[in-house]
PDB file of N, CA and C in Angstrom:
ATOM      1  N   MET A   1     130.743  51.850 170.081  1.00  0.00           N
ATOM      2  CA  MET A   1     129.613  52.503 169.447  1.00  0.00           C
ATOM      3  C   MET A   1     129.356  51.825 168.103  1.00  0.00           C
ATOM      4  N   PRO A   2     128.141  51.377 167.823  1.00  0.00           N
ATOM      5  CA  PRO A   2     127.860  50.690 166.555  1.00  0.00           C
ATOM      6  C   PRO A   2     127.932  51.661 165.380  1.00  0.00           C
ATOM      7  N   GLU A   3     128.371  51.102 164.237  1.00  0.00           N
ATOM      8  CA  GLU A   3     128.448  51.932 163.033  1.00  0.00           C
ATOM      9  C   GLU A   3     127.044  52.189 162.502  1.00  0.00           C
ATOM     10  N   PRO A   4     126.802  53.415 161.994  1.00  0.00           N
ATOM     11  CA  PRO A   4     125.488  53.683 161.414  1.00  0.00           C
ATOM     12  C   PRO A   4     125.311  52.871 160.137  1.00  0.00           C
ATOM     13  N   LYS A   5     124.079  52.461 159.884  1.00  0.00           N
ATOM     14  CA  LYS A   5     123.817  51.689 158.683  1.00  0.00           C
ATOM     15  C   LYS A   5     124.023  52.575 157.452  1.00  0.00           C
ATOM     16  N   ALA A   6     124.704  52.012 156.458  1.00  0.00           N
ATOM     17  CA  ALA A   6     124.938  52.756 155.228  1.00  0.00           C
ATOM     18  C   ALA A   6     123.647  52.837 154.427  1.00  0.00           C
ATOM     19  N   LYS A   7     123.458  53.959 153.776  1.00  0.00           N
ATOM     20  CA  LYS A   7     122.298  54.122 152.916  1.00  0.00           C
ATOM     21  C   LYS A   7     122.479  53.257 151.685  1.00  0.00           C
ATOM     22  N   LEU A   8     121.425  52.587 151.286  1.00  0.00           N
ATOM     23  CA  LEU A   8     121.498  51.790 150.074  1.00  0.00           C
ATOM     24  C   LEU A   8     121.481  52.710 148.867  1.00  0.00           C
ATOM     25  N   LYS A   9     122.349  52.404 147.901  1.00  0.00           N
ATOM     26  CA  LYS A   9     122.378  53.187 146.684  1.00  0.00           C
ATOM     27  C   LYS A   9     121.177  52.807 145.834  1.00  0.00           C
ATOM     28  N   THR A  10     120.479  53.811 145.345  1.00  0.00           N
ATOM     29  CA  THR A  10     119.352  53.528 144.470  1.00  0.00           C
ATOM     30  C   THR A  10     119.881  53.269 143.070  1.00  0.00           C
ATOM     31  N   PHE A  11     119.193  52.421 142.344  1.00  0.00           N
ATOM     32  CA  PHE A  11     119.640  52.002 141.026  1.00  0.00           C
ATOM     33  C   PHE A  11     118.786  52.654 139.960  1.00  0.00           C
ATOM     34  N   SER A  12     119.433  53.160 138.927  1.00  0.00           N
ATOM     35  CA  SER A  12     118.696  53.680 137.783  1.00  0.00           C
ATOM     36  C   SER A  12     119.324  53.141 136.504  1.00  0.00           C
ATOM     37  N   PHE A  13     118.533  53.108 135.449  1.00  0.00           N
ATOM     38  CA  PHE A  13     119.026  52.651 134.154  1.00  0.00           C
ATOM     39  C   PHE A  13     119.679  53.787 133.386  1.00  0.00           C
ATOM     40  N   GLY A  14     119.476  54.993 133.804  1.00  0.00           N
ATOM     41  CA  GLY A  14     120.062  56.166 133.152  1.00  0.00           C
ATOM     42  C   GLY A  14     119.146  57.364 133.334  1.00  0.00           C
ATOM     43  N   GLU A  15     119.556  58.465 132.738  1.00  0.00           N
ATOM     44  CA  GLU A  15     118.791  59.690 132.894  1.00  0.00           C
ATOM     45  C   GLU A  15     119.014  60.608 131.709  1.00  0.00           C
ATOM     46  N   GLY A  16     118.167  61.600 131.594  1.00  0.00           N
ATOM     47  CA  GLY A  16     118.315  62.649 130.605  1.00  0.00           C
ATOM     48  C   GLY A  16     117.932  63.963 131.256  1.00  0.00           C
ATOM     49  N   LYS A  17     118.597  65.027 130.830  1.00  0.00           N
ATOM     50  CA  LYS A  17     118.292  66.350 131.378  1.00  0.00           C
ATOM     51  C   LYS A  17     117.463  67.125 130.369  1.00  0.00           C
ATOM     52  N   PHE A  18     116.459  67.827 130.871  1.00  0.00           N
ATOM     53  CA  PHE A  18     115.614  68.608 129.975  1.00  0.00           C
ATOM     54  C   PHE A  18     115.880  70.091 130.134  1.00  0.00           C
ATOM     55  N   ASN A  19     115.589  70.834 129.054  1.00  0.00           N
ATOM     56  CA  ASN A  19     115.836  72.279 129.041  1.00  0.00           C
ATOM     57  C   ASN A  19     114.751  73.069 129.760  1.00  0.00           C
ATOM     58  N   ARG A  20     113.516  72.768 129.370  1.00  0.00           N
ATOM     59  CA  ARG A  20     112.414  73.543 129.944  1.00  0.00           C
ATOM     60  C   ARG A  20     111.129  72.753 129.859  1.00  0.00           C
ATOM     61  N   THR A  21     110.134  73.244 130.565  1.00  0.00           N
ATOM     62  CA  THR A  21     108.801  72.659 130.511  1.00  0.00           C
ATOM     63  C   THR A  21     107.822  73.726 130.052  1.00  0.00           C
ATOM     64  N   SER A  22     106.713  73.265 129.511  1.00  0.00           N
ATOM     65  CA  SER A  22     105.653  74.186 129.126  1.00  0.00           C
ATOM     66  C   SER A  22     104.346  73.578 129.607  1.00  0.00           C
ATOM     67  N   PRO A  23     103.655  74.209 130.515  1.00  0.00           N
ATOM     68  CA  PRO A  23     103.928  75.487 131.150  1.00  0.00           C
ATOM     69  C   PRO A  23     105.158  75.407 132.055  1.00  0.00           C
ATOM     70  N   ALA A  24     105.685  76.566 132.402  1.00  0.00           N
ATOM     71  CA  ALA A  24     106.857  76.624 133.272  1.00  0.00           C
ATOM     72  C   ALA A  24     106.540  75.962 134.611  1.00  0.00           C
ATOM     73  N   ILE A  25     107.563  75.440 135.254  1.00  0.00           N
ATOM     74  CA  ILE A  25     107.389  74.704 136.508  1.00  0.00           C
ATOM     75  C   ILE A  25     106.659  75.541 137.560  1.00  0.00           C
ATOM     76  N   TYR A  26     106.995  76.824 137.649  1.00  0.00           N
ATOM     77  CA  TYR A  26     106.360  77.671 138.669  1.00  0.00           C
ATOM     78  C   TYR A  26     104.905  77.996 138.331  1.00  0.00           C
ATOM     79  N   ASP A  27     104.462  77.681 137.090  1.00  0.00           N
ATOM     80  CA  ASP A  27     103.068  77.905 136.709  1.00  0.00           C
ATOM     81  C   ASP A  27     102.205  76.648 136.845  1.00  0.00           C
ATOM     82  N   LEU A  28     102.783  75.537 137.279  1.00  0.00           N
ATOM     83  CA  LEU A  28     102.019  74.299 137.416  1.00  0.00           C
ATOM     84  C   LEU A  28     100.982  74.436 138.530  1.00  0.00           C
ATOM     85  N   SER A  29      99.831  73.832 138.285  1.00  0.00           N
ATOM     86  CA  SER A  29      98.774  73.833 139.302  1.00  0.00           C
ATOM     87  C   SER A  29      98.024  72.518 139.193  1.00  0.00           C
ATOM     88  N   SER A  30      97.064  72.337 140.052  1.00  0.00           N
ATOM     89  CA  SER A  30      96.259  71.119 139.990  1.00  0.00           C
ATOM     90  C   SER A  30      95.372  71.105 138.751  1.00  0.00           C
ATOM     91  N   GLU A  31      95.214  72.238 138.097  1.00  0.00           N
ATOM     92  CA  GLU A  31      94.425  72.342 136.876  1.00  0.00           C
ATOM     93  C   GLU A  31      95.236  72.008 135.621  1.00  0.00           C
ATOM     94  N   THR A  32      96.563  71.891 135.740  1.00  0.00           N
ATOM     95  CA  THR A  32      97.418  71.590 134.590  1.00  0.00           C
ATOM     96  C   THR A  32      97.131  70.177 134.117  1.00  0.00           C
ATOM     97  N   LYS A  33      96.743  70.047 132.835  1.00  0.00           N
ATOM     98  CA  LYS A  33      96.399  68.737 132.290  1.00  0.00           C
ATOM     99  C   LYS A  33      97.542  68.115 131.512  1.00  0.00           C
ATOM    100  N   ILE A  34      98.394  68.927 130.905  1.00  0.00           N
ATOM    101  CA  ILE A  34      99.507  68.418 130.096  1.00  0.00           C
ATOM    102  C   ILE A  34     100.769  69.182 130.462  1.00  0.00           C
ATOM    103  N   LEU A  35     101.872  68.440 130.602  1.00  0.00           N
ATOM    104  CA  LEU A  35     103.172  69.046 130.842  1.00  0.00           C
ATOM    105  C   LEU A  35     104.083  68.647 129.684  1.00  0.00           C
ATOM    106  N   ASN A  36     104.487  69.613 128.888  1.00  0.00           N
ATOM    107  CA  ASN A  36     105.416  69.364 127.793  1.00  0.00           C
ATOM    108  C   ASN A  36     106.836  69.516 128.324  1.00  0.00           C
ATOM    109  N   ILE A  37     107.691  68.550 128.000  1.00  0.00           N
ATOM    110  CA  ILE A  37     109.082  68.574 128.448  1.00  0.00           C
ATOM    111  C   ILE A  37     109.978  68.608 127.217  1.00  0.00           C
ATOM    112  N   GLU A  38     110.840  69.611 127.137  1.00  0.00           N
ATOM    113  CA  GLU A  38     111.716  69.799 125.984  1.00  0.00           C
ATOM    114  C   GLU A  38     113.121  69.285 126.305  1.00  0.00           C
ATOM    115  N   LEU A  39     113.577  68.310 125.492  1.00  0.00           N
ATOM    116  CA  LEU A  39     114.916  67.733 125.673  1.00  0.00           C
ATOM    117  C   LEU A  39     115.755  68.001 124.426  1.00  0.00           C
ATOM    118  N   PRO A  40     117.047  68.330 124.604  1.00  0.00           N
ATOM    119  CA  PRO A  40     117.932  68.398 123.446  1.00  0.00           C
ATOM    120  C   PRO A  40     118.170  66.984 122.899  1.00  0.00           C
ATOM    121  N   LEU A  41     118.570  66.884 121.637  1.00  0.00           N
ATOM    122  CA  LEU A  41     118.714  65.594 120.975  1.00  0.00           C
ATOM    123  C   LEU A  41     119.610  64.632 121.749  1.00  0.00           C
ATOM    124  N   GLU A  42     120.769  65.069 122.196  1.00  0.00           N
ATOM    125  CA  GLU A  42     121.700  64.184 122.905  1.00  0.00           C
ATOM    126  C   GLU A  42     121.079  63.627 124.175  1.00  0.00           C
ATOM    127  N   GLN A  43     120.368  64.451 124.915  1.00  0.00           N
ATOM    128  CA  GLN A  43     119.724  64.002 126.147  1.00  0.00           C
ATOM    129  C   GLN A  43     118.551  63.070 125.844  1.00  0.00           C
ATOM    130  N   ALA A  44     117.834  63.341 124.751  1.00  0.00           N
ATOM    131  CA  ALA A  44     116.732  62.467 124.356  1.00  0.00           C
ATOM    132  C   ALA A  44     117.266  61.086 123.993  1.00  0.00           C
ATOM    133  N   LEU A  45     118.402  61.032 123.311  1.00  0.00           N
ATOM    134  CA  LEU A  45     119.003  59.746 122.960  1.00  0.00           C
ATOM    135  C   LEU A  45     119.438  58.985 124.212  1.00  0.00           C
ATOM    136  N   LYS A  46     119.985  59.692 125.201  1.00  0.00           N
ATOM    137  CA  LYS A  46     120.362  59.042 126.461  1.00  0.00           C
ATOM    138  C   LYS A  46     119.130  58.482 127.165  1.00  0.00           C
ATOM    139  N   LEU A  47     118.035  59.232 127.116  1.00  0.00           N
ATOM    140  CA  LEU A  47     116.802  58.789 127.757  1.00  0.00           C
ATOM    141  C   LEU A  47     116.227  57.567 127.041  1.00  0.00           C
ATOM    142  N   ILE A  48     116.298  57.551 125.708  1.00  0.00           N
ATOM    143  CA  ILE A  48     115.831  56.388 124.944  1.00  0.00           C
ATOM    144  C   ILE A  48     116.618  55.147 125.339  1.00  0.00           C
ATOM    145  N   LEU A  49     117.938  55.271 125.454  1.00  0.00           N
ATOM    146  CA  LEU A  49     118.766  54.130 125.857  1.00  0.00           C
ATOM    147  C   LEU A  49     118.403  53.649 127.256  1.00  0.00           C
ATOM    148  N   ALA A  50     118.157  54.582 128.158  1.00  0.00           N
ATOM    149  CA  ALA A  50     117.804  54.220 129.534  1.00  0.00           C
ATOM    150  C   ALA A  50     116.459  53.490 129.570  1.00  0.00           C
ATOM    151  N   ILE A  51     115.480  53.974 128.811  1.00  0.00           N
ATOM    152  CA  ILE A  51     114.171  53.310 128.766  1.00  0.00           C
ATOM    153  C   ILE A  51     114.320  51.922 128.162  1.00  0.00           C
ATOM    154  N   ASN A  52     115.127  51.811 127.114  1.00  0.00           N
ATOM    155  CA  ASN A  52     115.365  50.514 126.480  1.00  0.00           C
ATOM    156  C   ASN A  52     115.991  49.527 127.464  1.00  0.00           C
ATOM    157  N   GLU A  53     116.966  49.971 128.234  1.00  0.00           N
ATOM    158  CA  GLU A  53     117.604  49.103 129.233  1.00  0.00           C
ATOM    159  C   GLU A  53     116.603  48.673 130.298  1.00  0.00           C
ATOM    160  N   GLY A  54     115.758  49.592 130.727  1.00  0.00           N
ATOM    161  CA  GLY A  54     114.735  49.255 131.718  1.00  0.00           C
ATOM    162  C   GLY A  54     113.765  48.219 131.180  1.00  0.00           C
ATOM    163  N   CYS A  55     113.355  48.373 129.924  1.00  0.00           N
ATOM    164  CA  CYS A  55     112.440  47.405 129.308  1.00  0.00           C
ATOM    165  C   CYS A  55     113.097  46.040 129.168  1.00  0.00           C
ATOM    166  N   ARG A  56     114.362  46.034 128.767  1.00  0.00           N
ATOM    167  CA  ARG A  56     115.082  44.754 128.654  1.00  0.00           C
ATOM    168  C   ARG A  56     115.180  44.064 130.011  1.00  0.00           C
ATOM    169  N   HIS A  57     115.413  44.849 131.043  1.00  0.00           N
ATOM    170  CA  HIS A  57     115.565  44.280 132.387  1.00  0.00           C
ATOM    171  C   HIS A  57     114.263  43.639 132.865  1.00  0.00           C
ATOM    172  N   ILE A  58     113.146  44.364 132.762  1.00  0.00           N
ATOM    173  CA  ILE A  58     111.895  43.792 133.273  1.00  0.00           C
ATOM    174  C   ILE A  58     111.356  42.711 132.346  1.00  0.00           C
ATOM    175  N   ASN A  59     111.801  42.675 131.108  1.00  0.00           N
ATOM    176  CA  ASN A  59     111.380  41.622 130.190  1.00  0.00           C
ATOM    177  C   ASN A  59     111.943  40.262 130.598  1.00  0.00           C
ATOM    178  N   GLN A  60     112.969  40.250 131.451  1.00  0.00           N
ATOM    179  CA  GLN A  60     113.566  39.001 131.918  1.00  0.00           C
ATOM    180  C   GLN A  60     112.700  38.302 132.963  1.00  0.00           C
ATOM    181  N   TYR A  61     111.747  39.029 133.544  1.00  0.00           N
ATOM    182  CA  TYR A  61     110.885  38.425 134.550  1.00  0.00           C
ATOM    183  C   TYR A  61     109.902  37.468 133.890  1.00  0.00           C
ATOM    184  N   ASN A  62     109.502  36.464 134.626  1.00  0.00           N
ATOM    185  CA  ASN A  62     108.504  35.515 134.157  1.00  0.00           C
ATOM    186  C   ASN A  62     107.130  36.183 134.277  1.00  0.00           C
ATOM    187  N   CYS A  63     106.490  36.414 133.143  1.00  0.00           N
ATOM    188  CA  CYS A  63     105.210  37.140 133.129  1.00  0.00           C
ATOM    189  C   CYS A  63     104.056  36.346 133.715  1.00  0.00           C
ATOM    190  N   SER A  64     104.265  35.075 133.994  1.00  0.00           N
ATOM    191  CA  SER A  64     103.183  34.296 134.616  1.00  0.00           C
ATOM    192  C   SER A  64     103.227  34.403 136.140  1.00  0.00           C
ATOM    193  N   THR A  65     104.228  35.106 136.673  1.00  0.00           N
ATOM    194  CA  THR A  65     104.302  35.307 138.120  1.00  0.00           C
ATOM    195  C   THR A  65     103.784  36.698 138.466  1.00  0.00           C
ATOM    196  N   THR A  66     103.434  36.886 139.723  1.00  0.00           N
ATOM    197  CA  THR A  66     102.963  38.189 140.173  1.00  0.00           C
ATOM    198  C   THR A  66     104.046  39.248 139.994  1.00  0.00           C
ATOM    199  N   GLU A  67     105.290  38.907 140.320  1.00  0.00           N
ATOM    200  CA  GLU A  67     106.394  39.858 140.170  1.00  0.00           C
ATOM    201  C   GLU A  67     106.528  40.313 138.723  1.00  0.00           C
ATOM    202  N   GLY A  68     106.433  39.369 137.801  1.00  0.00           N
ATOM    203  CA  GLY A  68     106.548  39.703 136.387  1.00  0.00           C
ATOM    204  C   GLY A  68     105.399  40.546 135.886  1.00  0.00           C
ATOM    205  N   LYS A  69     104.197  40.267 136.362  1.00  0.00           N
ATOM    206  CA  LYS A  69     103.025  41.019 135.930  1.00  0.00           C
ATOM    207  C   LYS A  69     103.025  42.447 136.460  1.00  0.00           C
ATOM    208  N   LEU A  70     103.615  42.657 137.623  1.00  0.00           N
ATOM    209  CA  LEU A  70     103.605  43.987 138.243  1.00  0.00           C
ATOM    210  C   LEU A  70     104.843  44.825 137.925  1.00  0.00           C
ATOM    211  N   ALA A  71     105.821  44.254 137.218  1.00  0.00           N
ATOM    212  CA  ALA A  71     107.056  44.985 136.911  1.00  0.00           C
ATOM    213  C   ALA A  71     106.774  46.135 135.945  1.00  0.00           C
ATOM    214  N   THR A  72     107.337  47.298 136.230  1.00  0.00           N
ATOM    215  CA  THR A  72     107.147  48.477 135.386  1.00  0.00           C
ATOM    216  C   THR A  72     108.464  49.220 135.206  1.00  0.00           C
ATOM    217  N   VAL A  73     108.488  50.081 134.215  1.00  0.00           N
ATOM    218  CA  VAL A  73     109.573  51.046 134.044  1.00  0.00           C
ATOM    219  C   VAL A  73     109.002  52.381 134.499  1.00  0.00           C
ATOM    220  N   ASN A  74     109.659  53.014 135.451  1.00  0.00           N
ATOM    221  CA  ASN A  74     109.180  54.256 136.057  1.00  0.00           C
ATOM    222  C   ASN A  74     110.049  55.423 135.590  1.00  0.00           C
ATOM    223  N   LEU A  75     109.420  56.464 135.068  1.00  0.00           N
ATOM    224  CA  LEU A  75     110.135  57.690 134.706  1.00  0.00           C
ATOM    225  C   LEU A  75     109.940  58.682 135.846  1.00  0.00           C
ATOM    226  N   ALA A  76     111.004  58.951 136.577  1.00  0.00           N
ATOM    227  CA  ALA A  76     110.949  59.884 137.700  1.00  0.00           C
ATOM    228  C   ALA A  76     111.417  61.251 137.205  1.00  0.00           C
ATOM    229  N   VAL A  77     110.512  62.224 137.199  1.00  0.00           N
ATOM    230  CA  VAL A  77     110.829  63.566 136.718  1.00  0.00           C
ATOM    231  C   VAL A  77     111.181  64.434 137.918  1.00  0.00           C
ATOM    232  N   HIS A  78     112.429  64.859 137.961  1.00  0.00           N
ATOM    233  CA  HIS A  78     112.911  65.736 139.039  1.00  0.00           C
ATOM    234  C   HIS A  78     112.789  67.179 138.534  1.00  0.00           C
ATOM    235  N   LEU A  79     111.750  67.871 138.973  1.00  0.00           N
ATOM    236  CA  LEU A  79     111.473  69.204 138.446  1.00  0.00           C
ATOM    237  C   LEU A  79     112.497  70.249 138.885  1.00  0.00           C
ATOM    238  N   LYS A  80     113.055  70.102 140.070  1.00  0.00           N
ATOM    239  CA  LYS A  80     114.011  71.106 140.553  1.00  0.00           C
ATOM    240  C   LYS A  80     115.370  71.000 139.876  1.00  0.00           C
ATOM    241  N   SER A  81     115.761  69.780 139.485  1.00  0.00           N
ATOM    242  CA  SER A  81     117.079  69.603 138.852  1.00  0.00           C
ATOM    243  C   SER A  81     116.986  69.355 137.351  1.00  0.00           C
ATOM    244  N   ASN A  82     115.787  69.457 136.781  1.00  0.00           N
ATOM    245  CA  ASN A  82     115.562  69.265 135.340  1.00  0.00           C
ATOM    246  C   ASN A  82     116.091  67.926 134.835  1.00  0.00           C
ATOM    247  N   ARG A  83     115.793  66.835 135.566  1.00  0.00           N
ATOM    248  CA  ARG A  83     116.244  65.505 135.169  1.00  0.00           C
ATOM    249  C   ARG A  83     115.070  64.549 135.089  1.00  0.00           C
ATOM    250  N   ILE A  84     115.199  63.592 134.171  1.00  0.00           N
ATOM    251  CA  ILE A  84     114.265  62.475 134.084  1.00  0.00           C
ATOM    252  C   ILE A  84     115.096  61.219 134.282  1.00  0.00           C
ATOM    253  N   VAL A  85     114.798  60.462 135.326  1.00  0.00           N
ATOM    254  CA  VAL A  85     115.562  59.268 135.667  1.00  0.00           C
ATOM    255  C   VAL A  85     114.681  58.047 135.426  1.00  0.00           C
ATOM    256  N   VAL A  86     115.273  57.010 134.835  1.00  0.00           N
ATOM    257  CA  VAL A  86     114.543  55.779 134.538  1.00  0.00           C
ATOM    258  C   VAL A  86     114.912  54.734 135.586  1.00  0.00           C
ATOM    259  N   VAL A  87     113.912  54.264 136.332  1.00  0.00           N
ATOM    260  CA  VAL A  87     114.123  53.263 137.380  1.00  0.00           C
ATOM    261  C   VAL A  87     113.081  52.154 137.231  1.00  0.00           C
ATOM    262  N   GLU A  88     113.350  51.036 137.872  1.00  0.00           N
ATOM    263  CA  GLU A  88     112.380  49.945 137.882  1.00  0.00           C
ATOM    264  C   GLU A  88     111.316  50.261 138.912  1.00  0.00           C
ATOM    265  N   GLY A  89     110.082  49.969 138.579  1.00  0.00           N
ATOM    266  CA  GLY A  89     108.984  50.212 139.493  1.00  0.00           C
ATOM    267  C   GLY A  89     108.135  48.963 139.649  1.00  0.00           C
ATOM    268  N   LYS A  90     107.078  49.127 140.380  1.00  0.00           N
ATOM    269  CA  LYS A  90     106.142  48.022 140.611  1.00  0.00           C
ATOM    270  C   LYS A  90     104.737  48.607 140.555  1.00  0.00           C
ATOM    271  N   ALA A  91     103.892  48.049 139.691  1.00  0.00           N
ATOM    272  CA  ALA A  91     102.521  48.521 139.549  1.00  0.00           C
ATOM    273  C   ALA A  91     101.759  48.315 140.848  1.00  0.00           C
ATOM    274  N   GLN A  92     100.871  49.222 141.142  1.00  0.00           N
ATOM    275  CA  GLN A  92     100.065  49.114 142.355  1.00  0.00           C
ATOM    276  C   GLN A  92      99.018  48.032 142.224  1.00  0.00           C
ATOM    277  N   ASN A  93      98.441  47.922 141.033  1.00  0.00           N
ATOM    278  CA  ASN A  93      97.477  46.852 140.786  1.00  0.00           C
ATOM    279  C   ASN A  93      97.570  46.465 139.324  1.00  0.00           C
ATOM    280  N   LYS A  94      97.237  45.218 139.055  1.00  0.00           N
ATOM    281  CA  LYS A  94      97.380  44.661 137.711  1.00  0.00           C
ATOM    282  C   LYS A  94      96.397  45.311 136.762  1.00  0.00           C
ATOM    283  N   GLU A  95      96.925  45.756 135.581  1.00  0.00           N
ATOM    284  CA  GLU A  95      96.071  46.316 134.542  1.00  0.00           C
ATOM    285  C   GLU A  95      95.610  45.209 133.629  1.00  0.00           C
ATOM    286  N   SER A  96      94.414  45.339 133.088  1.00  0.00           N
ATOM    287  CA  SER A  96      93.891  44.317 132.184  1.00  0.00           C
ATOM    288  C   SER A  96      94.369  44.551 130.779  1.00  0.00           C
TER     289      SER A  96
END
């Protein structure tokens, strides 16, 4: 019987946990224009370091190539677990 393929581990530069959002998560709707996220100082510092690492990583790409032009830092907000994770992303289309 063949072994099942192992799931690839996703890579992140780091994360920070937030205390609360305003408006509250259960009050979010399609009409919500702004979401305020409250982080304690220690978690905010961890998030700053993670964003900095992500920026340093994508800065290594050659900006004259398509890969370099489309490289982004993505902030993934996990609303159920109150986490913000910093990962590398790829822009859908080039911004001017």
